[in-house]
Amino acid sequence: MVSRKYVGDYRLENVPDRRGKLKTVPVYRGPLFRFSADEKTLKTAKGRVLALTAVLTAAMLVTLLLPSELLQRLYVVMPLVLSIIPAMLLWTGVYHLFTAGPAVPRDKCDKIHNRFAGWSVVLTALSALSLFGQLASYFTGSAADIPVTFCTAVMAACAAWLFAGKKDLRMEELPPEERISA
């Protein structure tokens, strides 16, 4: 599906190529954004986001790869398997975060801030569902599997911490007078 959300931010311009032939290319003319936080806070936030995403992904993979009786229950393993998609989308958000310059276009702004805000909530919910399924299995007589439960709890905690830290990744629109120099 093609999104037309950012079409208004681009204008088609005719530009000569290397051979002197005119070529029509889209040129970004929409608003530019910058991080609201100062440089030190932003550097700390980037490190925290990278570390939390890495720990979350490691905990998810360890949980899925451990041989466990708990992972034979559909209500425990399905939320964990479904959490692979939001984790991959968080990694694309990490990529956009670390490749962002001092001024970023609207589409990249949305891919940074909104991606961490939305997908961290989804990951928290999915890991909490799996955790509740594991606890329900313990109460119905299943053998306790502490490493799986611990890794799932780490996933939930990391995803919740990612959501809580989204305020450091907030962006604001550049004023027109600063846009010329950016």
Protein backbone atom coordinates (compact mmCIF):
# COMPACT_ATOMS: atom_id res chain seq x y z
CA MET A 1 0.00 0.00 0.00
CA VAL A 2 1.38 3.37 -0.99
CA SER A 3 1.01 6.18 1.53
CA ARG A 4 0.20 9.62 0.20
CA LYS A 5 0.70 11.30 3.57
CA TYR A 6 3.86 13.17 2.59
CA VAL A 7 3.12 13.90 -1.08
CA GLY A 8 2.39 17.56 -0.36
CA ASP A 9 5.88 17.99 1.09
CA TYR A 10 7.55 17.37 -2.27
CA ARG A 11 7.61 19.39 -5.48
CA LEU A 12 8.66 18.13 -8.90
CA GLU A 13 11.53 20.12 -10.39
CA ASN A 14 13.38 19.82 -13.67
CA VAL A 15 17.11 19.45 -13.07
CA PRO A 16 19.81 18.88 -15.70
CA ASP A 17 21.69 15.61 -15.30
CA ARG A 18 25.38 14.94 -16.14
CA ARG A 19 24.71 14.89 -19.87
CA GLY A 20 22.74 18.13 -19.80
CA LYS A 21 19.39 16.42 -20.30
CA LEU A 22 16.49 17.64 -18.14
CA LYS A 23 15.31 15.17 -15.55
CA THR A 24 12.24 15.57 -13.31
CA VAL A 25 13.05 14.79 -9.66
CA PRO A 26 11.08 15.25 -6.44
CA VAL A 27 12.57 17.89 -4.13
CA TYR A 28 11.57 18.15 -0.47
CA ARG A 29 9.89 21.50 0.29
CA GLY A 30 8.01 20.55 3.47
CA PRO A 31 8.78 21.52 7.04
CA LEU A 32 12.01 20.43 8.70
CA PHE A 33 12.22 19.22 12.27
CA ARG A 34 14.91 19.06 14.97
CA PHE A 35 15.17 17.35 18.34
CA SER A 36 13.75 19.40 21.21
CA ALA A 37 16.25 18.02 23.74
CA ASP A 38 19.72 19.46 24.20
CA GLU A 39 22.78 17.65 22.84
CA LYS A 40 23.69 15.87 26.09
CA THR A 41 20.15 14.60 26.71
CA LEU A 42 19.86 13.47 23.11
CA LYS A 43 23.15 11.56 23.27
CA THR A 44 22.01 9.83 26.47
CA ALA A 45 18.61 9.04 24.92
CA LYS A 46 20.24 7.53 21.82
CA GLY A 47 22.44 5.29 23.94
CA ARG A 48 19.50 4.26 26.12
CA VAL A 49 17.32 3.47 23.08
CA LEU A 50 20.07 1.38 21.49
CA ALA A 51 20.79 -0.52 24.71
CA LEU A 52 17.12 -1.16 25.52
CA THR A 53 16.33 -2.32 22.00
CA ALA A 54 19.33 -4.65 22.03
CA VAL A 55 18.44 -6.11 25.46
CA LEU A 56 14.80 -6.46 24.45
CA THR A 57 15.73 -8.29 21.25
CA ALA A 58 18.20 -10.56 23.04
CA ALA A 59 15.65 -11.42 25.72
CA MET A 60 13.04 -12.17 23.05
CA LEU A 61 15.39 -14.44 21.09
CA VAL A 62 16.60 -16.26 24.22
CA THR A 63 13.00 -16.81 25.28
CA LEU A 64 12.02 -18.22 21.91
CA LEU A 65 15.09 -20.45 21.63
CA LEU A 66 14.98 -21.99 25.11
CA PRO A 67 13.60 -25.51 25.24
CA SER A 68 10.63 -25.10 27.54
CA GLU A 69 7.35 -26.80 28.25
CA LEU A 70 5.77 -23.35 28.55
CA LEU A 71 6.50 -22.54 24.92
CA GLN A 72 4.31 -25.44 23.84
CA ARG A 73 1.27 -23.49 24.99
CA LEU A 74 -0.20 -21.31 22.28
CA TYR A 75 -1.29 -18.51 24.63
CA VAL A 76 2.31 -18.18 25.84
CA VAL A 77 4.24 -18.47 22.58
CA MET A 78 1.95 -16.53 20.17
CA PRO A 79 2.50 -13.11 21.81
CA LEU A 80 6.24 -13.81 21.78
CA VAL A 81 6.24 -14.76 18.11
CA LEU A 82 4.11 -11.73 17.23
CA SER A 83 6.58 -9.49 19.09
CA ILE A 84 9.18 -10.14 16.39
CA ILE A 85 7.45 -7.65 14.05
CA PRO A 86 7.42 -4.70 16.48
CA ALA A 87 11.01 -5.49 17.45
CA MET A 88 12.11 -5.27 13.81
CA LEU A 89 10.22 -1.99 13.43
CA LEU A 90 11.96 -0.65 16.54
CA TRP A 91 15.30 -1.50 14.93
CA THR A 92 14.35 0.56 11.88
CA GLY A 93 13.51 3.38 14.28
CA VAL A 94 16.98 3.01 15.82
CA TYR A 95 18.48 3.24 12.34
CA HIS A 96 16.54 6.43 11.57
CA LEU A 97 17.47 7.87 14.97
CA PHE A 98 21.19 7.38 14.45
CA THR A 99 21.17 8.58 10.82
CA ALA A 100 19.15 11.72 11.55
CA GLY A 101 20.94 14.97 10.94
CA PRO A 102 20.37 18.30 12.67
CA ALA A 103 17.26 18.89 10.54
CA VAL A 104 15.05 16.05 9.34
CA PRO A 105 12.01 15.97 7.03
CA ARG A 106 8.53 15.18 8.33
CA ASP A 107 8.53 11.52 7.25
CA LYS A 108 11.77 10.77 9.11
CA CYS A 109 10.48 12.69 12.14
CA ASP A 110 7.44 10.43 12.24
CA LYS A 111 9.62 7.34 11.82
CA ILE A 112 11.71 8.30 14.82
CA HIS A 113 9.33 9.59 17.50
CA ASN A 114 6.09 7.84 16.57
CA ARG A 115 7.77 4.51 15.95
CA PHE A 116 9.18 4.30 19.47
CA ALA A 117 5.97 5.60 21.01
CA GLY A 118 3.67 3.15 19.25
CA TRP A 119 5.65 -0.04 18.89
CA SER A 120 7.04 0.02 22.42
CA VAL A 121 3.44 -0.02 23.71
CA VAL A 122 2.64 -2.96 21.44
CA LEU A 123 5.74 -4.83 22.65
CA THR A 124 4.87 -4.12 26.28
CA ALA A 125 1.36 -5.49 25.74
CA LEU A 126 2.52 -8.60 23.89
CA SER A 127 5.19 -9.49 26.45
CA ALA A 128 2.71 -8.83 29.29
CA LEU A 129 0.21 -11.17 27.60
CA SER A 130 2.84 -13.88 27.38
CA LEU A 131 3.86 -13.26 30.98
CA PHE A 132 0.26 -13.58 32.16
CA GLY A 133 -0.06 -16.79 30.15
CA GLN A 134 3.06 -18.15 31.83
CA LEU A 135 1.74 -17.24 35.29
CA ALA A 136 -1.59 -18.87 34.46
CA SER A 137 0.29 -22.01 33.43
CA TYR A 138 2.10 -22.03 36.77
CA PHE A 139 -1.22 -21.90 38.62
CA THR A 140 -2.67 -24.75 36.55
CA GLY A 141 0.13 -27.10 37.53
CA SER A 142 2.76 -26.57 34.84
CA ALA A 143 6.38 -26.77 35.90
CA ALA A 144 7.95 -23.38 36.56
CA ASP A 145 10.46 -22.23 33.96
CA ILE A 146 12.22 -19.28 35.57
CA PRO A 147 14.55 -18.35 32.64
CA VAL A 148 11.63 -18.00 30.21
CA THR A 149 9.60 -15.97 32.69
CA PHE A 150 12.58 -13.78 33.57
CA CYS A 151 13.39 -13.06 29.91
CA THR A 152 9.75 -12.22 29.20
CA ALA A 153 9.67 -9.87 32.20
CA VAL A 154 12.88 -8.22 30.91
CA MET A 155 11.19 -7.75 27.52
CA ALA A 156 8.19 -6.07 29.14
CA ALA A 157 10.39 -3.83 31.30
CA CYS A 158 12.60 -2.74 28.38
CA ALA A 159 9.61 -1.98 26.17
CA ALA A 160 7.95 0.03 28.94
CA TRP A 161 11.18 1.94 29.54
CA LEU A 162 11.41 2.70 25.81
CA PHE A 163 7.92 4.16 25.94
CA ALA A 164 8.74 6.20 29.05
CA GLY A 165 11.85 7.65 27.37
CA LYS A 166 10.07 8.82 24.21
CA LYS A 167 9.86 12.37 25.58
CA ASP A 168 13.61 12.77 25.00
CA LEU A 169 13.07 12.02 21.29
CA ARG A 170 10.40 14.69 20.83
CA MET A 171 10.90 16.92 17.80
CA GLU A 172 9.90 20.47 16.99
CA GLU A 173 9.52 22.24 13.68
CA LEU A 174 12.36 24.48 12.59
CA PRO A 175 11.41 28.15 12.27
CA PRO A 176 11.58 29.46 8.67
CA GLU A 177 14.59 31.70 9.42
CA GLU A 178 16.66 28.72 10.64
CA ARG A 179 15.56 26.52 7.78
CA ILE A 180 17.56 28.47 5.21
CA SER A 181 20.84 27.75 7.01
CA ALA A 182 20.00 24.06 7.66
